[in-house]
């Protein structure tokens, strides 16, 4: 995925009784960029025939209280890394998490996706979904769970730092490309 296409930002969206929820518009652009089929049709110049971009929702990790969403290119990158692992238990578990315990769907013509009841129940999602960008992926949360658990983790981490701490300092350890 191009470096300029990242999932960024956060927003709340209503979830209807059928599990339909709008995806943030900026996230839809990243999904389009990360879908090879969408890009192939777009390159042909036939905008009327553009397919709806696909998305992969990983839900299998029982410890996670959110759904992790990938572009098609993004999940292919995960698959490539898994394939490089030696045959064994860890590879088998990762294959199950990232190939078995997923839901592949597409964004509909109105910019929504349908979250099946199983996925909504897993994260306790009822009437509102919280979307947060995470760079190469995005997450869907029950807003109350996110506020109660994740916000406090970041705040606690920051509170443990000296007053002069600037989070950008951590980037100094990363080499330049």
N, C-alpha and C. Protein backbone atom coordinates (compact mmCIF):
# COMPACT_ATOMS: atom_id res chain seq x y z
N UNK A 1 0.85 -1.16 0.00
CA UNK A 1 0.00 0.00 0.00
C UNK A 1 0.91 1.23 0.00
N UNK A 2 0.54 2.19 -0.79
CA UNK A 2 1.28 3.43 -0.85
C UNK A 2 1.34 4.07 0.53
N UNK A 3 2.43 4.72 0.83
CA UNK A 3 2.60 5.33 2.15
C UNK A 3 1.58 6.42 2.43
N UNK A 4 1.08 7.05 1.41
CA UNK A 4 0.14 8.16 1.68
C UNK A 4 -1.27 7.67 1.99
N UNK A 5 -1.53 6.41 1.74
CA UNK A 5 -2.86 5.86 2.01
C UNK A 5 -2.83 5.12 3.34
N UNK A 6 -3.33 5.80 4.35
CA UNK A 6 -3.38 5.25 5.69
C UNK A 6 -4.75 5.50 6.28
N UNK A 7 -5.15 4.62 7.17
CA UNK A 7 -6.38 4.85 7.92
C UNK A 7 -6.04 5.80 9.05
N UNK A 8 -6.65 6.98 9.03
CA UNK A 8 -6.37 7.99 10.04
C UNK A 8 -7.68 8.58 10.53
N UNK A 9 -7.71 8.93 11.80
CA UNK A 9 -8.87 9.60 12.37
C UNK A 9 -9.78 8.64 13.13
N UNK A 10 -10.85 9.22 13.65
CA UNK A 10 -11.82 8.45 14.42
C UNK A 10 -13.20 9.05 14.21
N UNK A 11 -14.21 8.21 14.32
CA UNK A 11 -15.58 8.71 14.18
C UNK A 11 -16.57 7.69 14.72
N UNK A 12 -17.76 8.18 15.03
CA UNK A 12 -18.87 7.35 15.50
C UNK A 12 -19.91 7.26 14.39
N UNK A 13 -20.48 6.06 14.21
CA UNK A 13 -21.50 5.86 13.19
C UNK A 13 -22.61 4.97 13.74
N UNK A 14 -23.83 5.29 13.37
CA UNK A 14 -24.99 4.51 13.79
C UNK A 14 -24.97 3.13 13.14
N UNK A 15 -25.43 2.15 13.90
CA UNK A 15 -25.58 0.78 13.42
C UNK A 15 -27.07 0.49 13.41
N UNK A 16 -27.60 0.06 12.25
CA UNK A 16 -29.04 -0.22 12.22
C UNK A 16 -29.31 -1.65 12.68
N UNK A 17 -30.57 -2.02 12.73
CA UNK A 17 -30.98 -3.33 13.27
C UNK A 17 -30.47 -4.50 12.43
N UNK A 18 -30.11 -4.24 11.18
CA UNK A 18 -29.56 -5.30 10.32
C UNK A 18 -28.04 -5.35 10.36
N UNK A 19 -27.42 -4.49 11.17
CA UNK A 19 -25.97 -4.48 11.29
C UNK A 19 -25.28 -3.62 10.26
N UNK A 20 -26.03 -2.80 9.54
CA UNK A 20 -25.41 -1.93 8.53
C UNK A 20 -24.84 -0.69 9.22
N UNK A 21 -23.64 -0.33 8.81
CA UNK A 21 -22.97 0.83 9.37
C UNK A 21 -22.15 1.50 8.27
N UNK A 22 -22.19 2.82 8.25
CA UNK A 22 -21.40 3.58 7.28
C UNK A 22 -19.94 3.57 7.69
N UNK A 23 -19.08 3.46 6.70
CA UNK A 23 -17.64 3.53 6.92
C UNK A 23 -17.22 4.98 6.69
N UNK A 24 -16.33 5.52 7.52
CA UNK A 24 -15.87 6.89 7.26
C UNK A 24 -15.38 7.05 5.82
N UNK A 25 -15.73 8.16 5.19
CA UNK A 25 -15.39 8.38 3.78
C UNK A 25 -13.89 8.25 3.52
N UNK A 26 -13.07 8.79 4.41
CA UNK A 26 -11.62 8.69 4.20
C UNK A 26 -11.15 7.23 4.26
N UNK A 27 -11.80 6.41 5.07
CA UNK A 27 -11.46 4.99 5.14
C UNK A 27 -11.84 4.30 3.84
N UNK A 28 -12.95 4.69 3.25
CA UNK A 28 -13.37 4.08 1.98
C UNK A 28 -12.33 4.33 0.89
N UNK A 29 -11.73 5.52 0.88
CA UNK A 29 -10.69 5.82 -0.13
C UNK A 29 -9.50 4.88 0.04
N UNK A 30 -9.13 4.59 1.28
CA UNK A 30 -8.01 3.68 1.54
C UNK A 30 -8.39 2.27 1.12
N UNK A 31 -9.63 1.86 1.39
CA UNK A 31 -10.07 0.52 0.96
C UNK A 31 -10.04 0.39 -0.55
N UNK A 32 -10.43 1.44 -1.26
CA UNK A 32 -10.37 1.43 -2.73
C UNK A 32 -8.93 1.29 -3.21
N UNK A 33 -8.03 2.06 -2.61
CA UNK A 33 -6.62 2.02 -2.99
C UNK A 33 -6.02 0.64 -2.71
N UNK A 34 -6.49 -0.01 -1.66
CA UNK A 34 -5.94 -1.31 -1.26
C UNK A 34 -6.64 -2.51 -1.84
N UNK A 35 -7.49 -2.31 -2.85
CA UNK A 35 -8.20 -3.42 -3.49
C UNK A 35 -7.73 -3.57 -4.93
N UNK A 36 -6.92 -4.59 -5.23
CA UNK A 36 -6.37 -4.75 -6.58
C UNK A 36 -7.45 -4.83 -7.67
N UNK A 37 -8.56 -5.49 -7.40
CA UNK A 37 -9.62 -5.59 -8.41
C UNK A 37 -10.20 -4.20 -8.71
N UNK A 38 -10.47 -3.44 -7.67
CA UNK A 38 -10.99 -2.08 -7.83
C UNK A 38 -10.00 -1.25 -8.66
N UNK A 39 -8.72 -1.35 -8.33
CA UNK A 39 -7.70 -0.57 -9.02
C UNK A 39 -7.54 -0.99 -10.48
N UNK A 40 -7.69 -2.29 -10.76
CA UNK A 40 -7.58 -2.76 -12.14
C UNK A 40 -8.70 -2.20 -13.01
N UNK A 41 -9.92 -2.20 -12.49
CA UNK A 41 -11.06 -1.66 -13.25
C UNK A 41 -10.90 -0.14 -13.39
N UNK A 42 -10.44 0.50 -12.34
CA UNK A 42 -10.23 1.95 -12.39
C UNK A 42 -9.19 2.32 -13.45
N UNK A 43 -8.14 1.51 -13.56
CA UNK A 43 -7.09 1.75 -14.56
C UNK A 43 -7.63 1.64 -15.98
N UNK A 44 -8.66 0.83 -16.16
CA UNK A 44 -9.28 0.70 -17.48
C UNK A 44 -10.09 1.93 -17.84
N UNK A 45 -10.38 2.77 -16.84
CA UNK A 45 -11.10 4.01 -17.08
C UNK A 45 -12.60 3.89 -17.12
N UNK A 46 -13.14 2.75 -16.72
CA UNK A 46 -14.60 2.56 -16.75
C UNK A 46 -15.16 2.74 -15.35
N UNK A 47 -15.31 4.01 -14.94
CA UNK A 47 -15.79 4.30 -13.58
C UNK A 47 -17.18 3.74 -13.31
N UNK A 48 -17.99 3.56 -14.35
CA UNK A 48 -19.33 3.04 -14.17
C UNK A 48 -19.30 1.57 -13.73
N UNK A 49 -18.22 0.86 -14.05
CA UNK A 49 -18.12 -0.56 -13.73
C UNK A 49 -17.27 -0.84 -12.50
N UNK A 50 -16.92 0.22 -11.75
CA UNK A 50 -16.07 0.00 -10.58
C UNK A 50 -16.76 -0.92 -9.58
N UNK A 51 -16.04 -1.95 -9.15
CA UNK A 51 -16.62 -2.84 -8.13
C UNK A 51 -16.59 -2.16 -6.77
N UNK A 52 -17.40 -2.63 -5.85
CA UNK A 52 -17.33 -2.13 -4.48
C UNK A 52 -16.07 -2.71 -3.84
N UNK A 53 -15.29 -1.87 -3.14
CA UNK A 53 -14.05 -2.39 -2.55
C UNK A 53 -14.33 -3.43 -1.48
N UNK A 54 -13.46 -4.42 -1.45
CA UNK A 54 -13.58 -5.49 -0.45
C UNK A 54 -12.79 -5.13 0.81
N UNK A 55 -13.18 -5.77 1.88
CA UNK A 55 -12.57 -5.56 3.19
C UNK A 55 -12.52 -6.91 3.91
N UNK A 56 -11.47 -7.10 4.70
CA UNK A 56 -11.34 -8.31 5.51
C UNK A 56 -11.38 -7.89 6.97
N UNK A 57 -12.31 -8.47 7.70
CA UNK A 57 -12.48 -8.18 9.13
C UNK A 57 -11.99 -9.39 9.92
N UNK A 58 -10.95 -9.19 10.71
CA UNK A 58 -10.40 -10.26 11.55
C UNK A 58 -11.03 -10.14 12.93
N UNK A 59 -11.62 -11.23 13.41
CA UNK A 59 -12.32 -11.20 14.69
C UNK A 59 -11.88 -12.28 15.65
N UNK A 60 -10.96 -13.14 15.26
CA UNK A 60 -10.70 -14.38 15.99
C UNK A 60 -10.01 -14.30 17.32
N UNK A 61 -9.21 -13.29 17.58
CA UNK A 61 -8.48 -13.25 18.85
C UNK A 61 -9.47 -12.97 19.98
N UNK A 62 -9.70 -13.95 20.84
CA UNK A 62 -10.70 -13.81 21.90
C UNK A 62 -10.36 -12.73 22.91
N UNK A 63 -9.10 -12.30 22.97
CA UNK A 63 -8.71 -11.26 23.92
C UNK A 63 -9.05 -9.87 23.42
N UNK A 64 -9.24 -9.74 22.14
CA UNK A 64 -9.53 -8.43 21.55
C UNK A 64 -11.01 -8.10 21.67
N UNK A 65 -11.27 -6.86 21.99
CA UNK A 65 -12.66 -6.42 22.14
C UNK A 65 -13.03 -5.48 21.01
N UNK A 66 -12.41 -5.70 19.86
CA UNK A 66 -12.66 -4.90 18.67
C UNK A 66 -12.49 -5.76 17.44
N UNK A 67 -12.92 -5.23 16.31
CA UNK A 67 -12.73 -5.90 15.02
C UNK A 67 -11.61 -5.19 14.30
N UNK A 68 -10.66 -5.94 13.76
CA UNK A 68 -9.53 -5.35 13.05
C UNK A 68 -9.78 -5.52 11.56
N UNK A 69 -9.73 -4.41 10.82
CA UNK A 69 -10.13 -4.39 9.41
C UNK A 69 -8.94 -4.11 8.51
N UNK A 70 -8.83 -4.90 7.46
CA UNK A 70 -7.72 -4.83 6.51
C UNK A 70 -8.22 -4.56 5.10
N UNK A 71 -7.38 -3.89 4.31
CA UNK A 71 -7.62 -3.84 2.87
C UNK A 71 -7.22 -5.20 2.31
N UNK A 72 -7.55 -5.45 1.07
CA UNK A 72 -7.16 -6.72 0.44
C UNK A 72 -5.64 -6.82 0.34
N UNK A 73 -4.98 -5.71 -0.05
CA UNK A 73 -3.52 -5.71 -0.10
C UNK A 73 -2.93 -5.93 1.29
N UNK A 74 -3.54 -5.32 2.29
CA UNK A 74 -3.04 -5.45 3.65
C UNK A 74 -3.08 -6.88 4.15
N UNK A 75 -4.18 -7.58 3.89
CA UNK A 75 -4.27 -8.97 4.36
C UNK A 75 -3.34 -9.86 3.54
N UNK A 76 -3.10 -9.51 2.27
CA UNK A 76 -2.14 -10.27 1.46
C UNK A 76 -0.73 -10.13 2.04
N UNK A 77 -0.40 -8.95 2.56
CA UNK A 77 0.91 -8.76 3.19
C UNK A 77 1.04 -9.62 4.45
N UNK A 78 -0.04 -9.73 5.22
CA UNK A 78 -0.04 -10.59 6.40
C UNK A 78 0.15 -12.05 5.95
N UNK A 79 -0.59 -12.46 4.93
CA UNK A 79 -0.46 -13.83 4.41
C UNK A 79 0.97 -14.14 3.97
N UNK A 80 1.61 -13.19 3.29
CA UNK A 80 2.98 -13.39 2.82
C UNK A 80 3.93 -13.60 4.00
N UNK A 81 3.73 -12.85 5.07
CA UNK A 81 4.58 -13.01 6.25
C UNK A 81 4.34 -14.36 6.92
N UNK A 82 3.10 -14.78 6.99
CA UNK A 82 2.78 -16.08 7.59
C UNK A 82 3.41 -17.21 6.78
N UNK A 83 3.35 -17.10 5.45
CA UNK A 83 3.92 -18.14 4.59
C UNK A 83 5.43 -18.30 4.76
N UNK A 84 6.10 -17.25 5.24
CA UNK A 84 7.55 -17.32 5.45
C UNK A 84 7.92 -18.04 6.75
N UNK A 85 6.94 -18.23 7.62
CA UNK A 85 7.21 -18.92 8.88
C UNK A 85 7.42 -20.41 8.64
N UNK A 86 8.24 -21.03 9.49
CA UNK A 86 8.39 -22.48 9.36
C UNK A 86 7.09 -23.20 9.72
N UNK A 87 6.90 -24.35 9.13
CA UNK A 87 5.73 -25.16 9.45
C UNK A 87 5.78 -25.49 10.93
N UNK A 88 4.67 -25.30 11.61
CA UNK A 88 4.63 -25.59 13.03
C UNK A 88 3.38 -24.99 13.65
N UNK A 89 3.30 -25.11 14.96
CA UNK A 89 2.11 -24.70 15.70
C UNK A 89 1.82 -23.21 15.56
N UNK A 90 2.84 -22.36 15.67
CA UNK A 90 2.59 -20.91 15.58
C UNK A 90 2.06 -20.52 14.21
N UNK A 91 2.65 -21.09 13.16
CA UNK A 91 2.16 -20.80 11.81
C UNK A 91 0.71 -21.27 11.66
N UNK A 92 0.42 -22.44 12.18
CA UNK A 92 -0.94 -22.98 12.08
C UNK A 92 -1.93 -22.06 12.79
N UNK A 93 -1.57 -21.59 13.98
CA UNK A 93 -2.45 -20.69 14.72
C UNK A 93 -2.66 -19.38 13.97
N UNK A 94 -1.59 -18.81 13.44
CA UNK A 94 -1.71 -17.56 12.68
C UNK A 94 -2.56 -17.75 11.43
N UNK A 95 -2.39 -18.89 10.76
CA UNK A 95 -3.22 -19.16 9.58
C UNK A 95 -4.69 -19.22 9.95
N UNK A 96 -4.99 -19.82 11.09
CA UNK A 96 -6.39 -19.89 11.52
C UNK A 96 -6.94 -18.51 11.90
N UNK A 97 -6.12 -17.73 12.60
CA UNK A 97 -6.57 -16.39 13.00
C UNK A 97 -6.80 -15.47 11.80
N UNK A 98 -5.88 -15.51 10.84
CA UNK A 98 -5.94 -14.56 9.73
C UNK A 98 -6.54 -15.11 8.45
N UNK A 99 -6.89 -16.36 8.44
CA UNK A 99 -7.55 -16.93 7.26
C UNK A 99 -8.87 -17.60 7.59
N UNK A 100 -9.02 -18.05 8.81
CA UNK A 100 -10.25 -18.75 9.18
C UNK A 100 -11.21 -17.88 9.95
N UNK A 101 -10.70 -17.15 10.92
CA UNK A 101 -11.57 -16.36 11.80
C UNK A 101 -11.67 -14.93 11.30
N UNK A 102 -12.19 -14.85 10.08
CA UNK A 102 -12.33 -13.57 9.41
C UNK A 102 -13.71 -13.49 8.75
N UNK A 103 -14.06 -12.29 8.37
CA UNK A 103 -15.28 -12.08 7.59
C UNK A 103 -14.87 -11.18 6.42
N UNK A 104 -14.98 -11.71 5.20
CA UNK A 104 -14.69 -10.92 4.02
C UNK A 104 -15.99 -10.38 3.47
N UNK A 105 -16.02 -9.09 3.21
CA UNK A 105 -17.23 -8.45 2.72
C UNK A 105 -16.82 -7.30 1.81
N UNK A 106 -17.79 -6.58 1.32
CA UNK A 106 -17.47 -5.41 0.51
C UNK A 106 -18.32 -4.23 0.98
N UNK A 107 -17.83 -3.06 0.66
CA UNK A 107 -18.54 -1.82 0.97
C UNK A 107 -19.67 -1.72 -0.05
N UNK A 108 -20.88 -1.40 0.39
CA UNK A 108 -21.99 -1.31 -0.56
C UNK A 108 -21.98 0.03 -1.29
N UNK A 109 -22.93 0.21 -2.19
CA UNK A 109 -22.97 1.42 -3.01
C UNK A 109 -23.18 2.70 -2.20
N UNK A 110 -23.67 2.57 -0.98
CA UNK A 110 -23.90 3.76 -0.15
C UNK A 110 -22.78 3.97 0.88
N UNK A 111 -21.69 3.19 0.79
CA UNK A 111 -20.57 3.36 1.70
C UNK A 111 -20.72 2.65 3.02
N UNK A 112 -21.59 1.64 3.06
CA UNK A 112 -21.81 0.91 4.30
C UNK A 112 -21.27 -0.51 4.18
N UNK A 113 -21.12 -1.14 5.32
CA UNK A 113 -20.87 -2.57 5.35
C UNK A 113 -21.85 -3.18 6.33
N UNK A 114 -22.05 -4.46 6.17
CA UNK A 114 -22.95 -5.18 7.07
C UNK A 114 -22.09 -6.01 8.01
N UNK A 115 -22.27 -5.76 9.31
CA UNK A 115 -21.59 -6.54 10.32
C UNK A 115 -22.53 -7.64 10.79
N UNK A 116 -22.18 -8.90 10.55
CA UNK A 116 -23.05 -10.00 10.99
C UNK A 116 -23.25 -9.98 12.51
N UNK A 117 -24.35 -10.57 12.94
CA UNK A 117 -24.69 -10.61 14.37
C UNK A 117 -23.54 -11.19 15.20
N UNK A 118 -22.88 -12.22 14.69
CA UNK A 118 -21.77 -12.85 15.42
C UNK A 118 -20.67 -11.83 15.75
N UNK A 119 -20.36 -10.97 14.80
CA UNK A 119 -19.31 -9.98 15.04
C UNK A 119 -19.78 -8.87 15.97
N UNK A 120 -21.02 -8.46 15.80
CA UNK A 120 -21.58 -7.44 16.69
C UNK A 120 -21.61 -7.94 18.13
N UNK A 121 -22.02 -9.20 18.30
CA UNK A 121 -22.09 -9.79 19.64
C UNK A 121 -20.70 -9.91 20.26
N UNK A 122 -19.71 -10.26 19.46
CA UNK A 122 -18.35 -10.44 19.97
C UNK A 122 -17.84 -9.17 20.66
N UNK A 123 -18.16 -8.00 20.09
CA UNK A 123 -17.65 -6.76 20.67
C UNK A 123 -18.72 -5.95 21.40
N UNK A 124 -19.91 -6.52 21.55
CA UNK A 124 -20.98 -5.84 22.28
C UNK A 124 -21.51 -4.61 21.56
N UNK A 125 -21.55 -4.67 20.25
CA UNK A 125 -21.99 -3.53 19.44
C UNK A 125 -23.50 -3.51 19.33
N UNK A 126 -24.10 -2.38 19.64
CA UNK A 126 -25.55 -2.26 19.53
C UNK A 126 -25.92 -1.17 18.54
N UNK A 127 -26.03 0.06 19.00
CA UNK A 127 -26.55 1.11 18.12
C UNK A 127 -25.51 2.05 17.55
N UNK A 128 -24.29 2.07 18.08
CA UNK A 128 -23.25 2.96 17.58
C UNK A 128 -21.92 2.22 17.52
N UNK A 129 -21.19 2.44 16.42
CA UNK A 129 -19.85 1.87 16.25
C UNK A 129 -18.83 2.99 16.29
N UNK A 130 -17.69 2.72 16.92
CA UNK A 130 -16.59 3.66 16.96
C UNK A 130 -15.50 3.14 16.03
N UNK A 131 -15.11 3.95 15.05
CA UNK A 131 -14.06 3.61 14.11
C UNK A 131 -12.81 4.41 14.49
N UNK A 132 -11.66 3.73 14.50
CA UNK A 132 -10.40 4.44 14.74
C UNK A 132 -9.35 3.91 13.78
N UNK A 133 -8.67 4.85 13.12
CA UNK A 133 -7.61 4.48 12.20
C UNK A 133 -6.39 4.00 12.96
N UNK A 134 -5.72 3.02 12.36
CA UNK A 134 -4.50 2.48 12.97
C UNK A 134 -3.42 2.31 11.89
N UNK A 135 -3.38 3.26 10.95
CA UNK A 135 -2.36 3.21 9.90
C UNK A 135 -2.73 2.26 8.80
N UNK A 136 -2.19 1.05 8.83
CA UNK A 136 -2.46 0.07 7.78
C UNK A 136 -3.75 -0.70 8.00
N UNK A 137 -4.36 -0.54 9.17
CA UNK A 137 -5.64 -1.17 9.46
C UNK A 137 -6.53 -0.13 10.15
N UNK A 138 -7.79 -0.51 10.35
CA UNK A 138 -8.63 0.29 11.24
C UNK A 138 -9.40 -0.66 12.13
N UNK A 139 -9.90 -0.12 13.22
CA UNK A 139 -10.60 -0.93 14.21
C UNK A 139 -12.03 -0.43 14.39
N UNK A 140 -12.91 -1.37 14.67
CA UNK A 140 -14.29 -1.05 14.99
C UNK A 140 -14.53 -1.51 16.43
N UNK A 141 -15.01 -0.58 17.25
CA UNK A 141 -15.21 -0.82 18.67
C UNK A 141 -16.62 -0.47 19.09
N UNK A 142 -17.04 -1.04 20.21
CA UNK A 142 -18.16 -0.50 20.96
C UNK A 142 -17.58 0.76 21.59
N UNK A 143 -18.21 1.93 21.40
CA UNK A 143 -17.62 3.18 21.92
C UNK A 143 -17.35 3.17 23.42
N UNK A 144 -18.24 2.56 24.19
CA UNK A 144 -18.04 2.53 25.64
C UNK A 144 -16.83 1.70 26.02
N UNK A 145 -16.62 0.59 25.33
CA UNK A 145 -15.46 -0.26 25.60
C UNK A 145 -14.18 0.48 25.29
N UNK A 146 -14.16 1.16 24.15
CA UNK A 146 -12.96 1.92 23.78
C UNK A 146 -12.64 2.97 24.83
N UNK A 147 -13.64 3.73 25.22
CA UNK A 147 -13.44 4.79 26.22
C UNK A 147 -12.95 4.21 27.55
N UNK A 148 -13.55 3.11 27.98
CA UNK A 148 -13.23 2.54 29.28
C UNK A 148 -11.86 1.88 29.31
N UNK A 149 -11.44 1.28 28.21
CA UNK A 149 -10.21 0.49 28.25
C UNK A 149 -9.04 1.12 27.51
N UNK A 150 -9.23 1.54 26.30
CA UNK A 150 -8.11 2.01 25.50
C UNK A 150 -7.67 3.43 25.85
N UNK A 151 -8.61 4.32 26.05
CA UNK A 151 -8.23 5.70 26.38
C UNK A 151 -7.42 5.72 27.67
N UNK A 152 -7.85 4.94 28.66
CA UNK A 152 -7.12 4.93 29.93
C UNK A 152 -5.71 4.35 29.76
N UNK A 153 -5.52 3.39 28.87
CA UNK A 153 -4.19 2.82 28.64
C UNK A 153 -3.24 3.88 28.11
N UNK A 154 -3.70 4.66 27.14
CA UNK A 154 -2.86 5.72 26.57
C UNK A 154 -2.58 6.79 27.62
N UNK A 155 -3.62 7.17 28.36
CA UNK A 155 -3.44 8.19 29.39
C UNK A 155 -2.48 7.70 30.48
N UNK A 156 -2.62 6.44 30.90
CA UNK A 156 -1.71 5.89 31.92
C UNK A 156 -0.27 5.89 31.42
N UNK A 157 -0.09 5.49 30.17
CA UNK A 157 1.25 5.46 29.58
C UNK A 157 1.85 6.87 29.57
N UNK A 158 1.06 7.85 29.12
CA UNK A 158 1.55 9.22 29.09
C UNK A 158 1.84 9.74 30.50
N UNK A 159 0.98 9.39 31.46
CA UNK A 159 1.18 9.83 32.84
C UNK A 159 2.48 9.27 33.44
N UNK A 160 2.92 8.10 32.94
CA UNK A 160 4.16 7.49 33.43
C UNK A 160 5.41 8.17 32.85
N UNK A 161 5.23 9.02 31.86
CA UNK A 161 6.36 9.70 31.22
C UNK A 161 6.67 11.01 31.95
N UNK A 162 7.91 11.48 31.82
CA UNK A 162 8.23 12.79 32.42
C UNK A 162 7.43 13.90 31.75
N UNK A 163 7.22 15.00 32.46
CA UNK A 163 6.44 16.12 31.92
C UNK A 163 7.01 16.63 30.60
N UNK A 164 8.30 16.52 30.41
CA UNK A 164 8.94 17.02 29.20
C UNK A 164 8.86 16.03 28.03
N UNK A 165 8.25 14.86 28.26
CA UNK A 165 8.20 13.83 27.21
C UNK A 165 7.37 14.27 26.02
N UNK A 166 7.92 14.05 24.84
CA UNK A 166 7.23 14.28 23.57
C UNK A 166 7.19 12.93 22.86
N UNK A 167 6.00 12.39 22.57
CA UNK A 167 5.92 11.06 21.94
C UNK A 167 6.73 10.93 20.65
N UNK A 168 6.97 12.03 19.97
CA UNK A 168 7.78 11.97 18.74
C UNK A 168 9.21 11.53 19.01
N UNK A 169 9.66 11.64 20.27
CA UNK A 169 11.01 11.19 20.63
C UNK A 169 11.21 9.72 20.28
N UNK A 170 10.17 8.94 20.41
CA UNK A 170 10.27 7.50 20.12
C UNK A 170 10.60 7.24 18.66
N UNK A 171 10.25 8.17 17.79
CA UNK A 171 10.53 8.02 16.36
C UNK A 171 12.00 8.21 16.03
N UNK A 172 12.75 8.82 16.94
CA UNK A 172 14.18 9.03 16.70
C UNK A 172 14.94 7.72 16.58
N UNK A 173 14.43 6.66 17.21
CA UNK A 173 15.10 5.36 17.16
C UNK A 173 14.88 4.62 15.85
N UNK A 174 13.92 5.12 15.05
CA UNK A 174 13.60 4.47 13.79
C UNK A 174 14.50 5.04 12.71
N UNK A 175 15.15 4.14 11.96
CA UNK A 175 16.04 4.58 10.89
C UNK A 175 15.29 5.22 9.73
N UNK A 176 15.98 6.02 8.97
CA UNK A 176 15.41 6.65 7.77
C UNK A 176 15.45 5.65 6.63
N UNK A 177 14.43 5.73 5.76
CA UNK A 177 14.42 4.87 4.55
C UNK A 177 15.27 5.48 3.46
